[in-house]
Amino acid sequence: VQLQASGGGLVQPGGSLTLSCVASGTIFGSSNMGWYRQAPGKQRQMVAVISTSGATNHIDDVKGRFHISRDNAKNAVYLQMNNLKPEDTAVYYCSTFPPGEWGQGTLVTVSS
């Protein structure tokens, strides 16, 4: 599976962004998918996951602010991010869950 994340950018605290990830390959529909992030100087961490049936799980730091979704017809997974905080600044990646291949991430910078 090849993955391409997009939608990052510079946003003020309290703002919103929606990240998109398009996956090539025929196994997307049968794969649990996840969004991950890596902040400067920190290890990559899982942010949210979505199962093949659409069940979701989000880490406590983003619960209530971020929402993961998927569109199997488009081989796409999304991350709606609201009420962004400076500590959300990171490069965001999508991958399968558990993670496999990593595509190009997208940088999210939250700053005033």
PDB file of N, CA and C in Angstrom:
ATOM      1  N   VAL A   1       0.844  -1.189   0.000  1.00  0.00           N
ATOM      2  CA  VAL A   1       0.000   0.000   0.000  1.00  0.00           C
ATOM      3  C   VAL A   1       0.877   1.234   0.000  1.00  0.00           C
ATOM      4  N   GLN A   2       0.610   2.143  -0.923  1.00  0.00           N
ATOM      5  CA  GLN A   2       1.306   3.430  -0.956  1.00  0.00           C
ATOM      6  C   GLN A   2       0.350   4.490  -0.432  1.00  0.00           C
ATOM      7  N   LEU A   3       0.886   5.414   0.360  1.00  0.00           N
ATOM      8  CA  LEU A   3       0.060   6.370   1.086  1.00  0.00           C
ATOM      9  C   LEU A   3       0.549   7.780   0.856  1.00  0.00           C
ATOM     10  N   GLN A   4      -0.379   8.704   0.682  1.00  0.00           N
ATOM     11  CA  GLN A   4      -0.048  10.101   0.465  1.00  0.00           C
ATOM     12  C   GLN A   4      -0.946  10.952   1.339  1.00  0.00           C
ATOM     13  N   ALA A   5      -0.357  11.589   2.334  1.00  0.00           N
ATOM     14  CA  ALA A   5      -1.108  12.461   3.235  1.00  0.00           C
ATOM     15  C   ALA A   5      -1.039  13.897   2.739  1.00  0.00           C
ATOM     16  N   SER A   6      -2.108  14.653   2.981  1.00  0.00           N
ATOM     17  CA  SER A   6      -2.152  16.059   2.580  1.00  0.00           C
ATOM     18  C   SER A   6      -3.089  16.819   3.499  1.00  0.00           C
ATOM     19  N   GLY A   7      -3.059  18.143   3.373  1.00  0.00           N
ATOM     20  CA  GLY A   7      -3.990  18.971   4.128  1.00  0.00           C
ATOM     21  C   GLY A   7      -3.389  19.729   5.286  1.00  0.00           C
ATOM     22  N   GLY A   8      -2.113  19.534   5.543  1.00  0.00           N
ATOM     23  CA  GLY A   8      -1.474  20.246   6.642  1.00  0.00           C
ATOM     24  C   GLY A   8      -1.262  21.712   6.313  1.00  0.00           C
ATOM     25  N   GLY A   9      -0.787  22.441   7.311  1.00  0.00           N
ATOM     26  CA  GLY A   9      -0.526  23.857   7.110  1.00  0.00           C
ATOM     27  C   GLY A   9      -0.336  24.565   8.422  1.00  0.00           C
ATOM     28  N   LEU A  10      -0.306  25.886   8.341  1.00  0.00           N
ATOM     29  CA  LEU A  10      -0.162  26.729   9.529  1.00  0.00           C
ATOM     30  C   LEU A  10      -1.540  27.206   9.960  1.00  0.00           C
ATOM     31  N   VAL A  11      -1.858  27.022  11.219  1.00  0.00           N
ATOM     32  CA  VAL A  11      -3.167  27.408  11.732  1.00  0.00           C
ATOM     33  C   VAL A  11      -2.985  28.003  13.129  1.00  0.00           C
ATOM     34  N   GLN A  12      -3.849  28.933  13.477  1.00  0.00           N
ATOM     35  CA  GLN A  12      -3.785  29.545  14.800  1.00  0.00           C
ATOM     36  C   GLN A  12      -4.405  28.624  15.841  1.00  0.00           C
ATOM     37  N   PRO A  13      -3.990  28.749  17.079  1.00  0.00           N
ATOM     38  CA  PRO A  13      -4.637  27.961  18.137  1.00  0.00           C
ATOM     39  C   PRO A  13      -6.149  28.159  18.114  1.00  0.00           C
ATOM     40  N   GLY A  14      -6.861  27.054  18.267  1.00  0.00           N
ATOM     41  CA  GLY A  14      -8.315  27.079  18.193  1.00  0.00           C
ATOM     42  C   GLY A  14      -8.860  26.838  16.808  1.00  0.00           C
ATOM     43  N   GLY A  15      -7.985  26.818  15.819  1.00  0.00           N
ATOM     44  CA  GLY A  15      -8.414  26.611  14.444  1.00  0.00           C
ATOM     45  C   GLY A  15      -8.644  25.151  14.109  1.00  0.00           C
ATOM     46  N   SER A  16      -8.984  24.918  12.844  1.00  0.00           N
ATOM     47  CA  SER A  16      -9.319  23.566  12.368  1.00  0.00           C
ATOM     48  C   SER A  16      -8.589  23.246  11.076  1.00  0.00           C
ATOM     49  N   LEU A  17      -8.324  21.988  10.885  1.00  0.00           N
ATOM     50  CA  LEU A  17      -7.779  21.465   9.639  1.00  0.00           C
ATOM     51  C   LEU A  17      -8.353  20.076   9.411  1.00  0.00           C
ATOM     52  N   THR A  18      -8.431  19.695   8.151  1.00  0.00           N
ATOM     53  CA  THR A  18      -8.797  18.328   7.805  1.00  0.00           C
ATOM     54  C   THR A  18      -7.683  17.721   6.972  1.00  0.00           C
ATOM     55  N   LEU A  19      -7.136  16.642   7.473  1.00  0.00           N
ATOM     56  CA  LEU A  19      -6.099  15.920   6.754  1.00  0.00           C
ATOM     57  C   LEU A  19      -6.736  14.806   5.929  1.00  0.00           C
ATOM     58  N   SER A  20      -6.147  14.543   4.778  1.00  0.00           N
ATOM     59  CA  SER A  20      -6.608  13.471   3.908  1.00  0.00           C
ATOM     60  C   SER A  20      -5.449  12.550   3.588  1.00  0.00           C
ATOM     61  N   CYS A  21      -5.775  11.296   3.365  1.00  0.00           N
ATOM     62  CA  CYS A  21      -4.753  10.321   2.988  1.00  0.00           C
ATOM     63  C   CYS A  21      -5.381   9.375   1.971  1.00  0.00           C
ATOM     64  N   VAL A  22      -4.759   9.311   0.821  1.00  0.00           N
ATOM     65  CA  VAL A  22      -5.227   8.411  -0.220  1.00  0.00           C
ATOM     66  C   VAL A  22      -4.259   7.243  -0.318  1.00  0.00           C
ATOM     67  N   ALA A  23      -4.809   6.050  -0.314  1.00  0.00           N
ATOM     68  CA  ALA A  23      -4.000   4.838  -0.358  1.00  0.00           C
ATOM     69  C   ALA A  23      -4.176   4.148  -1.704  1.00  0.00           C
ATOM     70  N   SER A  24      -3.089   3.766  -2.303  1.00  0.00           N
ATOM     71  CA  SER A  24      -3.152   2.968  -3.521  1.00  0.00           C
ATOM     72  C   SER A  24      -2.987   1.510  -3.147  1.00  0.00           C
ATOM     73  N   GLY A  25      -3.476   0.638  -3.961  1.00  0.00           N
ATOM     74  CA  GLY A  25      -3.396  -0.772  -3.622  1.00  0.00           C
ATOM     75  C   GLY A  25      -4.778  -1.343  -3.387  1.00  0.00           C
ATOM     76  N   THR A  26      -4.859  -2.630  -3.401  1.00  0.00           N
ATOM     77  CA  THR A  26      -6.167  -3.271  -3.356  1.00  0.00           C
ATOM     78  C   THR A  26      -6.583  -3.719  -1.970  1.00  0.00           C
ATOM     79  N   ILE A  27      -5.747  -3.493  -0.960  1.00  0.00           N
ATOM     80  CA  ILE A  27      -6.076  -4.027   0.356  1.00  0.00           C
ATOM     81  C   ILE A  27      -6.642  -2.980   1.296  1.00  0.00           C
ATOM     82  N   PHE A  28      -6.861  -1.746   0.803  1.00  0.00           N
ATOM     83  CA  PHE A  28      -7.307  -0.676   1.703  1.00  0.00           C
ATOM     84  C   PHE A  28      -8.573  -1.068   2.428  1.00  0.00           C
ATOM     85  N   GLY A  29      -9.542  -1.584   1.701  1.00  0.00           N
ATOM     86  CA  GLY A  29     -10.829  -1.887   2.308  1.00  0.00           C
ATOM     87  C   GLY A  29     -10.764  -2.964   3.373  1.00  0.00           C
ATOM     88  N   SER A  30      -9.736  -3.752   3.362  1.00  0.00           N
ATOM     89  CA  SER A  30      -9.596  -4.823   4.343  1.00  0.00           C
ATOM     90  C   SER A  30      -8.581  -4.494   5.417  1.00  0.00           C
ATOM     91  N   SER A  31      -8.164  -3.228   5.478  1.00  0.00           N
ATOM     92  CA  SER A  31      -7.129  -2.812   6.429  1.00  0.00           C
ATOM     93  C   SER A  31      -7.672  -1.832   7.451  1.00  0.00           C
ATOM     94  N   ASN A  32      -7.353  -2.081   8.716  1.00  0.00           N
ATOM     95  CA  ASN A  32      -7.545  -1.030   9.709  1.00  0.00           C
ATOM     96  C   ASN A  32      -6.545   0.083   9.386  1.00  0.00           C
ATOM     97  N   MET A  33      -6.950   1.324   9.555  1.00  0.00           N
ATOM     98  CA  MET A  33      -6.100   2.455   9.199  1.00  0.00           C
ATOM     99  C   MET A  33      -5.888   3.366  10.410  1.00  0.00           C
ATOM    100  N   GLY A  34      -4.777   4.093  10.375  1.00  0.00           N
ATOM    101  CA  GLY A  34      -4.484   4.977  11.495  1.00  0.00           C
ATOM    102  C   GLY A  34      -3.807   6.257  11.060  1.00  0.00           C
ATOM    103  N   TRP A  35      -3.967   7.279  11.871  1.00  0.00           N
ATOM    104  CA  TRP A  35      -3.204   8.516  11.754  1.00  0.00           C
ATOM    105  C   TRP A  35      -2.187   8.530  12.888  1.00  0.00           C
ATOM    106  N   TYR A  36      -0.997   8.968  12.560  1.00  0.00           N
ATOM    107  CA  TYR A  36       0.105   9.032  13.495  1.00  0.00           C
ATOM    108  C   TYR A  36       0.735  10.415  13.377  1.00  0.00           C
ATOM    109  N   ARG A  37       1.488  10.808  14.406  1.00  0.00           N
ATOM    110  CA  ARG A  37       2.181  12.083  14.317  1.00  0.00           C
ATOM    111  C   ARG A  37       3.530  11.995  15.014  1.00  0.00           C
ATOM    112  N   GLN A  38       4.430  12.842  14.533  1.00  0.00           N
ATOM    113  CA  GLN A  38       5.753  12.921  15.134  1.00  0.00           C
ATOM    114  C   GLN A  38       6.097  14.383  15.338  1.00  0.00           C
ATOM    115  N   ALA A  39       6.147  14.776  16.592  1.00  0.00           N
ATOM    116  CA  ALA A  39       6.516  16.137  16.935  1.00  0.00           C
ATOM    117  C   ALA A  39       8.039  16.260  16.962  1.00  0.00           C
ATOM    118  N   PRO A  40       8.556  17.464  16.821  1.00  0.00           N
ATOM    119  CA  PRO A  40      10.007  17.651  16.838  1.00  0.00           C
ATOM    120  C   PRO A  40      10.634  17.091  18.104  1.00  0.00           C
ATOM    121  N   GLY A  41      11.638  16.245  17.922  1.00  0.00           N
ATOM    122  CA  GLY A  41      12.358  15.682  19.049  1.00  0.00           C
ATOM    123  C   GLY A  41      11.635  14.573  19.785  1.00  0.00           C
ATOM    124  N   LYS A  42      10.492  14.129  19.258  1.00  0.00           N
ATOM    125  CA  LYS A  42       9.722  13.082  19.928  1.00  0.00           C
ATOM    126  C   LYS A  42       9.520  11.887  19.022  1.00  0.00           C
ATOM    127  N   GLN A  43       9.129  10.773  19.623  1.00  0.00           N
ATOM    128  CA  GLN A  43       8.857   9.578  18.848  1.00  0.00           C
ATOM    129  C   GLN A  43       7.496   9.679  18.170  1.00  0.00           C
ATOM    130  N   ARG A  44       7.355   8.968  17.074  1.00  0.00           N
ATOM    131  CA  ARG A  44       6.073   8.919  16.385  1.00  0.00           C
ATOM    132  C   ARG A  44       5.058   8.219  17.285  1.00  0.00           C
ATOM    133  N   GLN A  45       3.843   8.779  17.332  1.00  0.00           N
ATOM    134  CA  GLN A  45       2.797   8.204  18.157  1.00  0.00           C
ATOM    135  C   GLN A  45       1.516   8.029  17.353  1.00  0.00           C
ATOM    136  N   MET A  46       0.729   7.046  17.752  1.00  0.00           N
ATOM    137  CA  MET A  46      -0.564   6.859  17.135  1.00  0.00           C
ATOM    138  C   MET A  46      -1.518   7.930  17.657  1.00  0.00           C
ATOM    139  N   VAL A  47      -2.334   8.477  16.784  1.00  0.00           N
ATOM    140  CA  VAL A  47      -3.306   9.506  17.154  1.00  0.00           C
ATOM    141  C   VAL A  47      -4.724   8.955  17.148  1.00  0.00           C
ATOM    142  N   ALA A  48      -5.059   8.224  16.090  1.00  0.00           N
ATOM    143  CA  ALA A  48      -6.415   7.697  15.955  1.00  0.00           C
ATOM    144  C   ALA A  48      -6.380   6.517  15.003  1.00  0.00           C
ATOM    145  N   VAL A  49      -7.295   5.591  15.228  1.00  0.00           N
ATOM    146  CA  VAL A  49      -7.405   4.431  14.351  1.00  0.00           C
ATOM    147  C   VAL A  49      -8.853   4.207  13.993  1.00  0.00           C
ATOM    148  N   ILE A  50      -9.064   3.579  12.829  1.00  0.00           N
ATOM    149  CA  ILE A  50     -10.407   3.236  12.389  1.00  0.00           C
ATOM    150  C   ILE A  50     -10.358   1.841  11.799  1.00  0.00           C
ATOM    151  N   SER A  51     -11.302   1.025  12.216  1.00  0.00           N
ATOM    152  CA  SER A  51     -11.334  -0.356  11.751  1.00  0.00           C
ATOM    153  C   SER A  51     -11.995  -0.444  10.386  1.00  0.00           C
ATOM    154  N   THR A  52     -11.976  -1.628   9.818  1.00  0.00           N
ATOM    155  CA  THR A  52     -12.626  -1.836   8.523  1.00  0.00           C
ATOM    156  C   THR A  52     -14.122  -1.589   8.605  1.00  0.00           C
ATOM    157  N   SER A  53     -14.703  -1.779   9.779  1.00  0.00           N
ATOM    158  CA  SER A  53     -16.143  -1.584   9.954  1.00  0.00           C
ATOM    159  C   SER A  53     -16.499  -0.155  10.374  1.00  0.00           C
ATOM    160  N   GLY A  54     -15.463   0.672  10.589  1.00  0.00           N
ATOM    161  CA  GLY A  54     -15.724   2.060  10.943  1.00  0.00           C
ATOM    162  C   GLY A  54     -15.631   2.379  12.420  1.00  0.00           C
ATOM    163  N   ALA A  55     -15.322   1.403  13.235  1.00  0.00           N
ATOM    164  CA  ALA A  55     -15.132   1.691  14.658  1.00  0.00           C
ATOM    165  C   ALA A  55     -13.865   2.516  14.839  1.00  0.00           C
ATOM    166  N   THR A  56     -13.932   3.486  15.731  1.00  0.00           N
ATOM    167  CA  THR A  56     -12.807   4.414  15.901  1.00  0.00           C
ATOM    168  C   THR A  56     -12.282   4.427  17.327  1.00  0.00           C
ATOM    169  N   ASN A  57     -11.033   4.862  17.437  1.00  0.00           N
ATOM    170  CA  ASN A  57     -10.430   5.065  18.744  1.00  0.00           C
ATOM    171  C   ASN A  57      -9.446   6.219  18.618  1.00  0.00           C
ATOM    172  N   HIS A  58      -9.453   7.113  19.595  1.00  0.00           N
ATOM    173  CA  HIS A  58      -8.573   8.283  19.583  1.00  0.00           C
ATOM    174  C   HIS A  58      -7.825   8.351  20.907  1.00  0.00           C
ATOM    175  N   ILE A  59      -6.601   8.823  20.851  1.00  0.00           N
ATOM    176  CA  ILE A  59      -5.862   8.961  22.100  1.00  0.00           C
ATOM    177  C   ILE A  59      -6.497  10.069  22.939  1.00  0.00           C
ATOM    178  N   ASP A  60      -6.267  10.011  24.237  1.00  0.00           N
ATOM    179  CA  ASP A  60      -6.914  10.947  25.157  1.00  0.00           C
ATOM    180  C   ASP A  60      -6.592  12.407  24.818  1.00  0.00           C
ATOM    181  N   ASP A  61      -5.372  12.675  24.356  1.00  0.00           N
ATOM    182  CA  ASP A  61      -4.958  14.049  24.082  1.00  0.00           C
ATOM    183  C   ASP A  61      -5.802  14.725  23.004  1.00  0.00           C
ATOM    184  N   VAL A  62      -6.424  13.937  22.128  1.00  0.00           N
ATOM    185  CA  VAL A  62      -7.174  14.518  21.023  1.00  0.00           C
ATOM    186  C   VAL A  62      -8.652  14.176  21.087  1.00  0.00           C
ATOM    187  N   LYS A  63      -9.043  13.361  22.045  1.00  0.00           N
ATOM    188  CA  LYS A  63     -10.430  12.921  22.137  1.00  0.00           C
ATOM    189  C   LYS A  63     -11.352  14.129  22.298  1.00  0.00           C
ATOM    190  N   GLY A  64     -12.397  14.158  21.492  1.00  0.00           N
ATOM    191  CA  GLY A  64     -13.326  15.281  21.523  1.00  0.00           C
ATOM    192  C   GLY A  64     -12.929  16.420  20.603  1.00  0.00           C
ATOM    193  N   ARG A  65     -11.701  16.401  20.102  1.00  0.00           N
ATOM    194  CA  ARG A  65     -11.233  17.457  19.197  1.00  0.00           C
ATOM    195  C   ARG A  65     -10.970  16.923  17.788  1.00  0.00           C
ATOM    196  N   PHE A  66     -10.448  15.707  17.694  1.00  0.00           N
ATOM    197  CA  PHE A  66     -10.117  15.097  16.404  1.00  0.00           C
ATOM    198  C   PHE A  66     -11.117  13.990  16.105  1.00  0.00           C
ATOM    199  N   HIS A  67     -11.332  13.744  14.809  1.00  0.00           N
ATOM    200  CA  HIS A  67     -12.226  12.658  14.411  1.00  0.00           C
ATOM    201  C   HIS A  67     -11.697  11.997  13.144  1.00  0.00           C
ATOM    202  N   ILE A  68     -11.465  10.698  13.225  1.00  0.00           N
ATOM    203  CA  ILE A  68     -10.989   9.937  12.080  1.00  0.00           C
ATOM    204  C   ILE A  68     -12.176   9.328  11.342  1.00  0.00           C
ATOM    205  N   SER A  69     -12.087   9.306  10.032  1.00  0.00           N
ATOM    206  CA  SER A  69     -13.127   8.693   9.214  1.00  0.00           C
ATOM    207  C   SER A  69     -12.482   8.096   7.971  1.00  0.00           C
ATOM    208  N   ARG A  70     -13.266   7.317   7.226  1.00  0.00           N
ATOM    209  CA  ARG A  70     -12.743   6.694   6.032  1.00  0.00           C
ATOM    210  C   ARG A  70     -13.814   6.617   4.961  1.00  0.00           C
ATOM    211  N   ASP A  71     -13.371   6.568   3.713  1.00  0.00           N
ATOM    212  CA  ASP A  71     -14.253   6.382   2.569  1.00  0.00           C
ATOM    213  C   ASP A  71     -13.632   5.272   1.728  1.00  0.00           C
ATOM    214  N   ASN A  72     -14.152   4.071   1.876  1.00  0.00           N
ATOM    215  CA  ASN A  72     -13.545   2.936   1.186  1.00  0.00           C
ATOM    216  C   ASN A  72     -13.659   3.050  -0.326  1.00  0.00           C
ATOM    217  N   ALA A  73     -14.708   3.698  -0.797  1.00  0.00           N
ATOM    218  CA  ALA A  73     -14.878   3.852  -2.241  1.00  0.00           C
ATOM    219  C   ALA A  73     -13.779   4.718  -2.850  1.00  0.00           C
ATOM    220  N   LYS A  74     -13.215   5.605  -2.033  1.00  0.00           N
ATOM    221  CA  LYS A  74     -12.149   6.492  -2.501  1.00  0.00           C
ATOM    222  C   LYS A  74     -10.782   6.067  -1.987  1.00  0.00           C
ATOM    223  N   ASN A  75     -10.725   4.937  -1.285  1.00  0.00           N
ATOM    224  CA  ASN A  75      -9.458   4.504  -0.674  1.00  0.00           C
ATOM    225  C   ASN A  75      -8.841   5.624   0.156  1.00  0.00           C
ATOM    226  N   ALA A  76      -9.665   6.319   0.917  1.00  0.00           N
ATOM    227  CA  ALA A  76      -9.203   7.500   1.640  1.00  0.00           C
ATOM    228  C   ALA A  76      -9.541   7.425   3.120  1.00  0.00           C
ATOM    229  N   VAL A  77      -8.678   8.001   3.918  1.00  0.00           N
ATOM    230  CA  VAL A  77      -8.916   8.146   5.346  1.00  0.00           C
ATOM    231  C   VAL A  77      -8.668   9.608   5.699  1.00  0.00           C
ATOM    232  N   TYR A  78      -9.470  10.133   6.603  1.00  0.00           N
ATOM    233  CA  TYR A  78      -9.436  11.556   6.933  1.00  0.00           C
ATOM    234  C   TYR A  78      -9.222  11.759   8.425  1.00  0.00           C
ATOM    235  N   LEU A  79      -8.699  12.914   8.777  1.00  0.00           N
ATOM    236  CA  LEU A  79      -8.595  13.306  10.177  1.00  0.00           C
ATOM    237  C   LEU A  79      -9.065  14.747  10.297  1.00  0.00           C
ATOM    238  N   GLN A  80     -10.267  14.914  10.855  1.00  0.00           N
ATOM    239  CA  GLN A  80     -10.798  16.237  11.128  1.00  0.00           C
ATOM    240  C   GLN A  80     -10.246  16.694  12.468  1.00  0.00           C
ATOM    241  N   MET A  81      -9.564  17.840  12.455  1.00  0.00           N
ATOM    242  CA  MET A  81      -8.928  18.339  13.671  1.00  0.00           C
ATOM    243  C   MET A  81      -9.516  19.695  14.020  1.00  0.00           C
ATOM    244  N   ASN A  82     -10.105  19.781  15.199  1.00  0.00           N
ATOM    245  CA  ASN A  82     -10.715  21.020  15.674  1.00  0.00           C
ATOM    246  C   ASN A  82     -10.027  21.490  16.954  1.00  0.00           C
ATOM    247  N   ASN A  83     -10.218  22.749  17.260  1.00  0.00           N
ATOM    248  CA  ASN A  83      -9.657  23.325  18.489  1.00  0.00           C
ATOM    249  C   ASN A  83      -8.179  22.959  18.643  1.00  0.00           C
ATOM    250  N   LEU A  84      -7.427  23.203  17.596  1.00  0.00           N
ATOM    251  CA  LEU A  84      -6.020  22.820  17.580  1.00  0.00           C
ATOM    252  C   LEU A  84      -5.218  23.590  18.618  1.00  0.00           C
ATOM    253  N   LYS A  85      -4.233  22.914  19.177  1.00  0.00           N
ATOM    254  CA  LYS A  85      -3.371  23.478  20.205  1.00  0.00           C
ATOM    255  C   LYS A  85      -1.926  23.465  19.723  1.00  0.00           C
ATOM    256  N   PRO A  86      -1.083  24.324  20.259  1.00  0.00           N
ATOM    257  CA  PRO A  86       0.333  24.322  19.845  1.00  0.00           C
ATOM    258  C   PRO A  86       0.990  22.953  19.992  1.00  0.00           C
ATOM    259  N   GLU A  87       0.577  22.195  20.996  1.00  0.00           N
ATOM    260  CA  GLU A  87       1.175  20.864  21.194  1.00  0.00           C
ATOM    261  C   GLU A  87       0.745  19.844  20.150  1.00  0.00           C
ATOM    262  N   ASP A  88      -0.187  20.228  19.266  1.00  0.00           N
ATOM    263  CA  ASP A  88      -0.563  19.365  18.145  1.00  0.00           C
ATOM    264  C   ASP A  88       0.406  19.517  16.971  1.00  0.00           C
ATOM    265  N   THR A  89       1.321  20.462  17.069  1.00  0.00           N
ATOM    266  CA  THR A  89       2.282  20.673  16.001  1.00  0.00           C
ATOM    267  C   THR A  89       3.128  19.421  15.794  1.00  0.00           C
ATOM    268  N   ALA A  90       3.133  18.923  14.557  1.00  0.00           N
ATOM    269  CA  ALA A  90       3.830  17.678  14.247  1.00  0.00           C
ATOM    270  C   ALA A  90       3.704  17.406  12.757  1.00  0.00           C
ATOM    271  N   VAL A  91       4.472  16.431  12.299  1.00  0.00           N
ATOM    272  CA  VAL A  91       4.243  15.861  10.970  1.00  0.00           C
ATOM    273  C   VAL A  91       3.278  14.700  11.160  1.00  0.00           C
ATOM    274  N   TYR A  92       2.207  14.729  10.398  1.00  0.00           N
ATOM    275  CA  TYR A  92       1.160  13.718  10.507  1.00  0.00           C
ATOM    276  C   TYR A  92       1.283  12.725   9.351  1.00  0.00           C
ATOM    277  N   TYR A  93       1.154  11.461   9.688  1.00  0.00           N
ATOM    278  CA  TYR A  93       1.264  10.371   8.727  1.00  0.00           C
ATOM    279  C   TYR A  93       0.047   9.469   8.835  1.00  0.00           C
ATOM    280  N   CYS A  94      -0.274   8.810   7.738  1.00  0.00           N
ATOM    281  CA  CYS A  94      -1.264   7.744   7.819  1.00  0.00           C
ATOM    282  C   CYS A  94      -0.572   6.433   7.472  1.00  0.00           C
ATOM    283  N   SER A  95      -1.126   5.378   7.987  1.00  0.00           N
ATOM    284  CA  SER A  95      -0.634   4.050   7.691  1.00  0.00           C
ATOM    285  C   SER A  95      -1.711   3.059   8.080  1.00  0.00           C
ATOM    286  N   THR A  96      -1.427   1.811   7.845  1.00  0.00           N
ATOM    287  CA  THR A  96      -2.318   0.786   8.356  1.00  0.00           C
ATOM    288  C   THR A  96      -2.157   0.729   9.875  1.00  0.00           C
ATOM    289  N   PHE A  97      -3.062   0.000  10.534  1.00  0.00           N
ATOM    290  CA  PHE A  97      -2.911  -0.257  11.957  1.00  0.00           C
ATOM    291  C   PHE A  97      -2.993  -1.749  12.174  1.00  0.00           C
ATOM    292  N   PRO A  98      -1.962  -2.346  12.737  1.00  0.00           N
ATOM    293  CA  PRO A  98      -0.670  -1.777  13.129  1.00  0.00           C
ATOM    294  C   PRO A  98       0.043  -1.154  11.929  1.00  0.00           C
ATOM    295  N   PRO A  99       0.953  -0.236  12.181  1.00  0.00           N
ATOM    296  CA  PRO A  99       1.590   0.481  11.076  1.00  0.00           C
ATOM    297  C   PRO A  99       2.473  -0.427  10.226  1.00  0.00           C
ATOM    298  N   GLY A 100       2.409  -0.140   8.904  1.00  0.00           N
ATOM    299  CA  GLY A 100       3.267  -0.847   7.971  1.00  0.00           C
ATOM    300  C   GLY A 100       4.153   0.147   7.258  1.00  0.00           C
ATOM    301  N   GLU A 101       3.885   0.330   5.978  1.00  0.00           N
ATOM    302  CA  GLU A 101       4.671   1.292   5.213  1.00  0.00           C
ATOM    303  C   GLU A 101       4.273   2.709   5.594  1.00  0.00           C
ATOM    304  N   TRP A 102       5.264   3.619   5.482  1.00  0.00           N
ATOM    305  CA  TRP A 102       5.016   5.026   5.757  1.00  0.00           C
ATOM    306  C   TRP A 102       5.152   5.814   4.455  1.00  0.00           C
ATOM    307  N   GLY A 103       4.146   6.595   4.180  1.00  0.00           N
ATOM    308  CA  GLY A 103       4.242   7.489   3.046  1.00  0.00           C
ATOM    309  C   GLY A 103       4.741   8.850   3.498  1.00  0.00           C
ATOM    310  N   GLN A 104       4.620   9.819   2.619  1.00  0.00           N
ATOM    311  CA  GLN A 104       5.015  11.182   2.953  1.00  0.00           C
ATOM    312  C   GLN A 104       4.004  11.776   3.920  1.00  0.00           C
ATOM    313  N   GLY A 105       4.480  12.372   4.968  1.00  0.00           N
ATOM    314  CA  GLY A 105       3.596  12.997   5.932  1.00  0.00           C
ATOM    315  C   GLY A 105       3.236  14.410   5.524  1.00  0.00           C
ATOM    316  N   THR A 106       2.411  15.035   6.339  1.00  0.00           N
ATOM    317  CA  THR A 106       2.024  16.415   6.105  1.00  0.00           C
ATOM    318  C   THR A 106       2.213  17.201   7.402  1.00  0.00           C
ATOM    319  N   LEU A 107       2.829  18.370   7.294  1.00  0.00           N
ATOM    320  CA  LEU A 107       3.194  19.149   8.477  1.00  0.00           C
ATOM    321  C   LEU A 107       2.030  20.012   8.937  1.00  0.00           C
ATOM    322  N   VAL A 108       1.713  19.903  10.217  1.00  0.00           N
ATOM    323  CA  VAL A 108       0.718  20.761  10.853  1.00  0.00           C
ATOM    324  C   VAL A 108       1.446  21.625  11.880  1.00  0.00           C
ATOM    325  N   THR A 109       1.310  22.928  11.730  1.00  0.00           N
ATOM    326  CA  THR A 109       1.927  23.865  12.655  1.00  0.00           C
ATOM    327  C   THR A 109       0.838  24.719  13.272  1.00  0.00           C
ATOM    328  N   VAL A 110       0.747  24.678  14.594  1.00  0.00           N
ATOM    329  CA  VAL A 110      -0.255  25.454  15.311  1.00  0.00           C
ATOM    330  C   VAL A 110       0.479  26.549  16.078  1.00  0.00           C
ATOM    331  N   SER A 111       0.271  27.764  15.639  1.00  0.00           N
ATOM    332  CA  SER A 111       1.013  28.875  16.216  1.00  0.00           C
ATOM    333  C   SER A 111       0.285  30.178  15.933  1.00  0.00           C
ATOM    334  N   SER A 112       0.413  31.107  16.868  1.00  0.00           N
ATOM    335  CA  SER A 112      -0.154  32.431  16.664  1.00  0.00           C
ATOM    336  C   SER A 112       0.905  33.383  16.107  1.00  0.00           C
TER     337      SER A 112
END
